[in-house]
Amino acid sequence: MAKKQINKAMLEKLSKNVEMTENKKEEELGGIKNFTIAFKFNEFMKIKTHCENNHISIGKFIKKLIEKEGII
């Protein structure tokens, strides 16, 4: 199985203040890798406000961005 790479250019397009790293401490579950996404506080607050205004969870919002933009 080919190892998937993080598309850093796409990640930068989403936000300059976000870091996404593979979580190597966690085991893969059925071939699914675990990633950690870190936001600076001001970026997190923008996302939180957007999600509250649109009545969606932050997790679903991030998942849709990842799927839509093809980050991994």
N, C-alpha and C. Protein backbone atom coordinates (compact mmCIF):
# COMPACT_ATOMS: atom_id res chain seq x y z
N MET A 1 0.84 -1.18 0.00
CA MET A 1 0.00 0.00 0.00
C MET A 1 0.88 1.24 0.00
N ALA A 2 0.63 2.13 -0.89
CA ALA A 2 1.41 3.37 -0.99
C ALA A 2 1.10 4.28 0.19
N LYS A 3 2.13 4.88 0.72
CA LYS A 3 1.95 5.79 1.84
C LYS A 3 1.42 7.13 1.33
N LYS A 4 0.37 7.62 1.96
CA LYS A 4 -0.21 8.91 1.56
C LYS A 4 0.62 10.03 2.16
N GLN A 5 0.79 11.08 1.40
CA GLN A 5 1.55 12.23 1.86
C GLN A 5 0.61 13.41 2.10
N ILE A 6 0.97 14.24 3.04
CA ILE A 6 0.20 15.45 3.30
C ILE A 6 0.53 16.47 2.22
N ASN A 7 -0.48 17.00 1.58
CA ASN A 7 -0.29 18.03 0.57
C ASN A 7 -0.15 19.36 1.30
N LYS A 8 1.07 19.77 1.56
CA LYS A 8 1.31 20.97 2.38
C LYS A 8 0.84 22.24 1.69
N ALA A 9 0.91 22.29 0.37
CA ALA A 9 0.44 23.48 -0.34
C ALA A 9 -1.06 23.65 -0.12
N MET A 10 -1.81 22.55 -0.14
CA MET A 10 -3.25 22.62 0.09
C MET A 10 -3.53 23.01 1.54
N LEU A 11 -2.72 22.49 2.45
CA LEU A 11 -2.88 22.82 3.86
C LEU A 11 -2.66 24.32 4.08
N GLU A 12 -1.65 24.88 3.42
CA GLU A 12 -1.39 26.32 3.52
C GLU A 12 -2.53 27.13 2.93
N LYS A 13 -3.15 26.60 1.90
CA LYS A 13 -4.30 27.28 1.29
C LYS A 13 -5.44 27.41 2.29
N LEU A 14 -5.64 26.38 3.11
CA LEU A 14 -6.72 26.43 4.10
C LEU A 14 -6.42 27.45 5.19
N SER A 15 -5.20 27.44 5.67
CA SER A 15 -4.84 28.41 6.71
C SER A 15 -3.33 28.42 6.90
N LYS A 16 -2.77 29.60 7.06
CA LYS A 16 -1.33 29.71 7.27
C LYS A 16 -0.96 29.33 8.69
N ASN A 17 -1.92 29.28 9.58
CA ASN A 17 -1.64 29.05 11.00
C ASN A 17 -2.08 27.68 11.48
N VAL A 18 -2.03 26.68 10.60
CA VAL A 18 -2.45 25.33 10.95
C VAL A 18 -1.31 24.37 10.71
N GLU A 19 -1.15 23.41 11.61
CA GLU A 19 -0.17 22.35 11.42
C GLU A 19 -0.91 21.02 11.44
N MET A 20 -0.54 20.12 10.54
CA MET A 20 -1.15 18.80 10.50
C MET A 20 -0.03 17.77 10.46
N THR A 21 0.00 16.89 11.45
CA THR A 21 1.05 15.88 11.51
C THR A 21 0.44 14.51 11.72
N GLU A 22 1.16 13.50 11.22
CA GLU A 22 0.69 12.13 11.41
C GLU A 22 0.96 11.72 12.85
N ASN A 23 -0.02 11.10 13.48
CA ASN A 23 0.12 10.66 14.86
C ASN A 23 0.71 9.26 14.83
N LYS A 24 2.01 9.14 15.06
CA LYS A 24 2.69 7.85 14.96
C LYS A 24 2.54 7.03 16.23
N LYS A 25 2.06 7.62 17.31
CA LYS A 25 1.87 6.88 18.56
C LYS A 25 0.66 5.97 18.48
N GLU A 26 -0.34 6.36 17.71
CA GLU A 26 -1.57 5.58 17.57
C GLU A 26 -1.42 4.55 16.47
N GLU A 27 -1.98 3.37 16.69
CA GLU A 27 -1.95 2.34 15.67
C GLU A 27 -2.95 2.67 14.57
N GLU A 28 -2.65 2.19 13.36
CA GLU A 28 -3.59 2.34 12.25
C GLU A 28 -4.78 1.42 12.52
N LEU A 29 -5.97 1.89 12.21
CA LEU A 29 -7.17 1.09 12.35
C LEU A 29 -7.69 0.76 10.97
N GLY A 30 -7.54 -0.47 10.54
CA GLY A 30 -8.02 -0.88 9.22
C GLY A 30 -7.39 -0.08 8.10
N GLY A 31 -6.12 0.27 8.23
CA GLY A 31 -5.43 1.03 7.19
C GLY A 31 -5.66 2.53 7.26
N ILE A 32 -6.40 2.99 8.26
CA ILE A 32 -6.68 4.42 8.41
C ILE A 32 -5.64 5.02 9.35
N LYS A 33 -4.96 6.05 8.88
CA LYS A 33 -3.95 6.72 9.70
C LYS A 33 -4.59 7.81 10.54
N ASN A 34 -4.02 8.06 11.69
CA ASN A 34 -4.49 9.12 12.58
C ASN A 34 -3.61 10.35 12.40
N PHE A 35 -4.25 11.51 12.31
CA PHE A 35 -3.54 12.77 12.17
C PHE A 35 -3.95 13.73 13.27
N THR A 36 -3.05 14.61 13.62
CA THR A 36 -3.32 15.66 14.59
C THR A 36 -3.30 17.00 13.85
N ILE A 37 -4.33 17.80 14.09
CA ILE A 37 -4.40 19.12 13.48
C ILE A 37 -4.31 20.15 14.60
N ALA A 38 -3.37 21.08 14.48
CA ALA A 38 -3.19 22.11 15.51
C ALA A 38 -3.44 23.48 14.91
N PHE A 39 -4.27 24.25 15.59
CA PHE A 39 -4.60 25.61 15.16
C PHE A 39 -4.05 26.61 16.16
N LYS A 40 -3.66 27.77 15.68
CA LYS A 40 -3.40 28.87 16.60
C LYS A 40 -4.75 29.30 17.15
N PHE A 41 -4.75 29.87 18.34
CA PHE A 41 -6.00 30.18 19.02
C PHE A 41 -6.92 31.07 18.19
N ASN A 42 -6.37 32.11 17.54
CA ASN A 42 -7.24 33.02 16.78
C ASN A 42 -7.86 32.31 15.58
N GLU A 43 -7.15 31.36 14.96
CA GLU A 43 -7.71 30.60 13.85
C GLU A 43 -8.82 29.67 14.36
N PHE A 44 -8.58 29.06 15.52
CA PHE A 44 -9.59 28.18 16.10
C PHE A 44 -10.87 28.95 16.40
N MET A 45 -10.72 30.16 16.93
CA MET A 45 -11.90 30.96 17.26
C MET A 45 -12.69 31.33 16.01
N LYS A 46 -12.01 31.59 14.89
CA LYS A 46 -12.71 31.87 13.63
C LYS A 46 -13.51 30.65 13.18
N ILE A 47 -12.89 29.47 13.28
CA ILE A 47 -13.58 28.24 12.89
C ILE A 47 -14.75 27.97 13.82
N LYS A 48 -14.52 28.15 15.12
CA LYS A 48 -15.59 27.92 16.11
C LYS A 48 -16.78 28.83 15.84
N THR A 49 -16.53 30.10 15.58
CA THR A 49 -17.61 31.05 15.30
C THR A 49 -18.36 30.64 14.04
N HIS A 50 -17.63 30.28 12.99
CA HIS A 50 -18.26 29.84 11.74
C HIS A 50 -19.16 28.62 11.99
N CYS A 51 -18.65 27.66 12.74
CA CYS A 51 -19.42 26.44 13.01
C CYS A 51 -20.66 26.72 13.85
N GLU A 52 -20.53 27.57 14.85
CA GLU A 52 -21.69 27.93 15.67
C GLU A 52 -22.74 28.64 14.84
N ASN A 53 -22.32 29.54 13.96
CA ASN A 53 -23.27 30.28 13.12
C ASN A 53 -23.98 29.37 12.13
N ASN A 54 -23.30 28.29 11.70
CA ASN A 54 -23.88 27.37 10.72
C ASN A 54 -24.40 26.08 11.33
N HIS A 55 -24.39 26.01 12.67
CA HIS A 55 -24.93 24.86 13.41
C HIS A 55 -24.32 23.53 12.96
N ILE A 56 -22.99 23.50 12.85
CA ILE A 56 -22.28 22.25 12.56
C ILE A 56 -21.15 22.08 13.57
N SER A 57 -20.72 20.84 13.76
CA SER A 57 -19.63 20.60 14.70
C SER A 57 -18.30 20.93 14.04
N ILE A 58 -17.33 21.26 14.86
CA ILE A 58 -15.99 21.57 14.36
C ILE A 58 -15.40 20.33 13.68
N GLY A 59 -15.63 19.17 14.25
CA GLY A 59 -15.12 17.93 13.67
C GLY A 59 -15.65 17.68 12.27
N LYS A 60 -16.95 17.86 12.08
CA LYS A 60 -17.55 17.67 10.76
C LYS A 60 -17.04 18.71 9.77
N PHE A 61 -16.85 19.94 10.23
CA PHE A 61 -16.34 21.01 9.38
C PHE A 61 -14.93 20.66 8.87
N ILE A 62 -14.06 20.24 9.79
CA ILE A 62 -12.69 19.89 9.42
C ILE A 62 -12.67 18.67 8.50
N LYS A 63 -13.50 17.67 8.81
CA LYS A 63 -13.57 16.47 7.97
C LYS A 63 -13.98 16.83 6.55
N LYS A 64 -14.97 17.70 6.40
CA LYS A 64 -15.41 18.11 5.06
C LYS A 64 -14.32 18.87 4.32
N LEU A 65 -13.58 19.73 5.03
CA LEU A 65 -12.47 20.44 4.40
C LEU A 65 -11.40 19.47 3.90
N ILE A 66 -11.07 18.50 4.73
CA ILE A 66 -10.04 17.53 4.36
C ILE A 66 -10.49 16.73 3.14
N GLU A 67 -11.74 16.27 3.15
CA GLU A 67 -12.25 15.49 2.02
C GLU A 67 -12.35 16.34 0.76
N LYS A 68 -12.86 17.55 0.90
CA LYS A 68 -13.06 18.44 -0.26
C LYS A 68 -11.74 18.85 -0.89
N GLU A 69 -10.77 19.20 -0.07
CA GLU A 69 -9.50 19.72 -0.57
C GLU A 69 -8.47 18.64 -0.85
N GLY A 70 -8.73 17.41 -0.44
CA GLY A 70 -7.80 16.32 -0.72
C GLY A 70 -6.45 16.50 -0.07
N ILE A 71 -6.45 16.90 1.18
CA ILE A 71 -5.19 17.16 1.88
C ILE A 71 -4.37 15.88 2.02
N ILE A 72 -5.03 14.78 2.30
CA ILE A 72 -4.29 13.52 2.48
C ILE A 72 -4.75 12.50 1.46
